[in-house]
């Protein structure tokens, strides 16, 4: 959640304030949707990096055990 969620909440509030102007609202909704996609992709990227790091640590540990 963190910073990304806060930014999404702020964007949502800005969207509500400008809901009178339909064209503007559609643009803000699109940007909000794109921001949410970017945040999701970033979270997946971070998670994948963490999993790769864990896998590498497990492999290194297993290799050390077999050498002993």
N, C-alpha and C. Protein backbone atom coordinates (compact mmCIF):
# COMPACT_ATOMS: atom_id res chain seq x y z
N UNK A 1 0.83 -1.18 0.00
CA UNK A 1 0.00 0.00 0.00
C UNK A 1 0.88 1.25 0.00
N UNK A 2 1.40 1.71 1.09
CA UNK A 2 2.38 2.78 1.17
C UNK A 2 2.12 4.00 0.31
N UNK A 3 3.20 4.49 -0.30
CA UNK A 3 3.17 5.73 -1.08
C UNK A 3 2.24 5.62 -2.28
N UNK A 4 2.30 4.51 -3.00
CA UNK A 4 1.45 4.34 -4.18
C UNK A 4 -0.03 4.45 -3.85
N UNK A 5 -0.44 3.86 -2.74
CA UNK A 5 -1.85 3.91 -2.34
C UNK A 5 -2.25 5.34 -1.99
N UNK A 6 -1.36 6.07 -1.32
CA UNK A 6 -1.63 7.46 -0.98
C UNK A 6 -1.80 8.32 -2.21
N UNK A 7 -0.95 8.08 -3.21
CA UNK A 7 -1.04 8.83 -4.46
C UNK A 7 -2.35 8.52 -5.18
N UNK A 8 -2.75 7.25 -5.16
CA UNK A 8 -4.02 6.88 -5.79
C UNK A 8 -5.19 7.54 -5.08
N UNK A 9 -5.12 7.60 -3.76
CA UNK A 9 -6.20 8.23 -3.00
C UNK A 9 -6.28 9.72 -3.32
N UNK A 10 -5.12 10.39 -3.39
CA UNK A 10 -5.09 11.81 -3.74
C UNK A 10 -5.65 12.04 -5.14
N UNK A 11 -5.27 11.17 -6.08
CA UNK A 11 -5.77 11.30 -7.44
C UNK A 11 -7.29 11.09 -7.48
N UNK A 12 -7.78 10.15 -6.67
CA UNK A 12 -9.21 9.91 -6.59
C UNK A 12 -9.97 11.12 -6.07
N UNK A 13 -9.41 11.79 -5.06
CA UNK A 13 -10.04 13.00 -4.52
C UNK A 13 -10.05 14.11 -5.55
N UNK A 14 -8.96 14.25 -6.29
CA UNK A 14 -8.89 15.27 -7.35
C UNK A 14 -9.94 14.97 -8.42
N UNK A 15 -10.12 13.70 -8.72
CA UNK A 15 -11.10 13.27 -9.71
C UNK A 15 -12.51 13.67 -9.27
N UNK A 16 -12.83 13.46 -8.01
CA UNK A 16 -14.15 13.82 -7.49
C UNK A 16 -14.40 15.31 -7.61
N UNK A 17 -13.39 16.14 -7.33
CA UNK A 17 -13.54 17.59 -7.40
C UNK A 17 -13.81 18.07 -8.82
N UNK A 18 -13.26 17.36 -9.80
CA UNK A 18 -13.40 17.79 -11.19
C UNK A 18 -14.46 17.00 -11.95
N UNK A 19 -15.35 16.32 -11.24
CA UNK A 19 -16.33 15.45 -11.90
C UNK A 19 -17.33 16.21 -12.76
N UNK A 20 -17.43 17.54 -12.60
CA UNK A 20 -18.35 18.35 -13.40
C UNK A 20 -17.92 18.34 -14.86
N UNK A 21 -16.64 18.41 -15.10
CA UNK A 21 -16.10 18.44 -16.46
C UNK A 21 -15.88 17.01 -16.94
N UNK A 22 -16.79 16.50 -17.76
CA UNK A 22 -16.76 15.10 -18.19
C UNK A 22 -15.48 14.73 -18.90
N UNK A 23 -15.02 15.54 -19.84
CA UNK A 23 -13.80 15.24 -20.57
C UNK A 23 -12.61 15.13 -19.64
N UNK A 24 -12.54 16.06 -18.72
CA UNK A 24 -11.45 16.05 -17.74
C UNK A 24 -11.54 14.82 -16.84
N UNK A 25 -12.75 14.48 -16.45
CA UNK A 25 -12.95 13.33 -15.57
C UNK A 25 -12.49 12.06 -16.27
N UNK A 26 -12.84 11.89 -17.54
CA UNK A 26 -12.41 10.70 -18.28
C UNK A 26 -10.90 10.62 -18.35
N UNK A 27 -10.24 11.78 -18.57
CA UNK A 27 -8.78 11.81 -18.63
C UNK A 27 -8.19 11.42 -17.29
N UNK A 28 -8.74 11.96 -16.20
CA UNK A 28 -8.23 11.63 -14.87
C UNK A 28 -8.48 10.16 -14.54
N UNK A 29 -9.64 9.64 -14.92
CA UNK A 29 -9.93 8.23 -14.67
C UNK A 29 -8.93 7.35 -15.41
N UNK A 30 -8.60 7.72 -16.64
CA UNK A 30 -7.63 6.95 -17.43
C UNK A 30 -6.26 7.00 -16.76
N UNK A 31 -5.86 8.20 -16.31
CA UNK A 31 -4.55 8.34 -15.66
C UNK A 31 -4.52 7.56 -14.35
N UNK A 32 -5.61 7.58 -13.62
CA UNK A 32 -5.70 6.84 -12.36
C UNK A 32 -5.57 5.34 -12.63
N UNK A 33 -6.25 4.88 -13.67
CA UNK A 33 -6.18 3.47 -14.06
C UNK A 33 -4.75 3.09 -14.45
N UNK A 34 -4.09 3.95 -15.26
CA UNK A 34 -2.71 3.69 -15.68
C UNK A 34 -1.77 3.67 -14.48
N UNK A 35 -1.99 4.58 -13.53
CA UNK A 35 -1.16 4.64 -12.33
C UNK A 35 -1.30 3.35 -11.53
N UNK A 36 -2.53 2.85 -11.44
CA UNK A 36 -2.78 1.61 -10.72
C UNK A 36 -2.09 0.44 -11.40
N UNK A 37 -2.11 0.41 -12.74
CA UNK A 37 -1.42 -0.65 -13.48
C UNK A 37 0.08 -0.58 -13.21
N UNK A 38 0.65 0.63 -13.28
CA UNK A 38 2.08 0.79 -13.03
C UNK A 38 2.46 0.32 -11.63
N UNK A 39 1.63 0.67 -10.65
CA UNK A 39 1.91 0.26 -9.27
C UNK A 39 1.89 -1.26 -9.16
N UNK A 40 0.90 -1.88 -9.78
CA UNK A 40 0.80 -3.34 -9.75
C UNK A 40 2.01 -3.99 -10.40
N UNK A 41 2.43 -3.47 -11.56
CA UNK A 41 3.60 -4.01 -12.24
C UNK A 41 4.85 -3.84 -11.39
N UNK A 42 4.99 -2.67 -10.73
CA UNK A 42 6.15 -2.42 -9.87
C UNK A 42 6.16 -3.41 -8.72
N UNK A 43 4.99 -3.65 -8.11
CA UNK A 43 4.91 -4.60 -7.00
C UNK A 43 5.31 -6.00 -7.45
N UNK A 44 4.88 -6.40 -8.65
CA UNK A 44 5.25 -7.72 -9.18
C UNK A 44 6.75 -7.80 -9.43
N UNK A 45 7.32 -6.71 -9.96
CA UNK A 45 8.75 -6.68 -10.23
C UNK A 45 9.55 -6.83 -8.94
N UNK A 46 9.14 -6.11 -7.91
CA UNK A 46 9.81 -6.19 -6.61
C UNK A 46 9.67 -7.59 -6.02
N UNK A 47 8.47 -8.16 -6.13
CA UNK A 47 8.23 -9.51 -5.60
C UNK A 47 9.08 -10.54 -6.35
N UNK A 48 9.14 -10.42 -7.68
CA UNK A 48 9.95 -11.36 -8.46
C UNK A 48 11.43 -11.26 -8.08
N UNK A 49 11.93 -10.04 -7.88
CA UNK A 49 13.33 -9.86 -7.48
C UNK A 49 13.58 -10.51 -6.12
N UNK A 50 12.64 -10.35 -5.20
CA UNK A 50 12.78 -10.95 -3.88
C UNK A 50 12.79 -12.48 -3.98
N UNK A 51 11.89 -13.03 -4.79
CA UNK A 51 11.84 -14.48 -4.96
C UNK A 51 13.12 -15.02 -5.59
N UNK A 52 13.65 -14.31 -6.59
CA UNK A 52 14.90 -14.73 -7.22
C UNK A 52 16.04 -14.73 -6.21
N UNK A 53 16.06 -13.73 -5.35
CA UNK A 53 17.09 -13.63 -4.32
C UNK A 53 16.98 -14.79 -3.34
N UNK A 54 15.77 -15.12 -2.94
CA UNK A 54 15.55 -16.24 -2.02
C UNK A 54 15.97 -17.56 -2.68
N UNK A 55 15.58 -17.74 -3.95
CA UNK A 55 15.96 -18.96 -4.67
C UNK A 55 17.48 -19.09 -4.77
N UNK A 56 18.16 -17.99 -5.06
CA UNK A 56 19.62 -18.02 -5.16
C UNK A 56 20.25 -18.38 -3.82
N UNK A 57 19.70 -17.85 -2.73
CA UNK A 57 20.22 -18.15 -1.40
C UNK A 57 20.02 -19.63 -1.06
N UNK A 58 18.86 -20.18 -1.42
CA UNK A 58 18.59 -21.60 -1.16
C UNK A 58 19.55 -22.47 -1.96
N UNK A 59 19.75 -22.15 -3.24
CA UNK A 59 20.68 -22.92 -4.08
C UNK A 59 22.10 -22.87 -3.52
N UNK A 60 22.54 -21.68 -3.11
CA UNK A 60 23.88 -21.53 -2.55
C UNK A 60 24.02 -22.36 -1.28
N UNK A 61 22.99 -22.34 -0.45
CA UNK A 61 23.00 -23.12 0.79
C UNK A 61 23.07 -24.62 0.48
N UNK A 62 22.28 -25.06 -0.49
CA UNK A 62 22.28 -26.48 -0.88
C UNK A 62 23.64 -26.89 -1.43
N UNK A 63 24.26 -26.02 -2.23
CA UNK A 63 25.58 -26.33 -2.79
C UNK A 63 26.62 -26.46 -1.68
N UNK A 64 26.55 -25.58 -0.69
CA UNK A 64 27.48 -25.66 0.44
C UNK A 64 27.28 -26.96 1.22
N UNK A 65 26.04 -27.37 1.39
CA UNK A 65 25.74 -28.61 2.13
C UNK A 65 26.29 -29.83 1.39
N UNK A 66 26.19 -29.84 0.06
CA UNK A 66 26.67 -31.00 -0.70
C UNK A 66 28.19 -31.07 -0.74
N UNK A 67 28.87 -29.94 -0.59
CA UNK A 67 30.34 -29.92 -0.59
C UNK A 67 30.89 -30.43 0.73
N UNK A 68 30.10 -30.35 1.79
CA UNK A 68 30.59 -30.76 3.12
C UNK A 68 30.60 -32.23 3.32
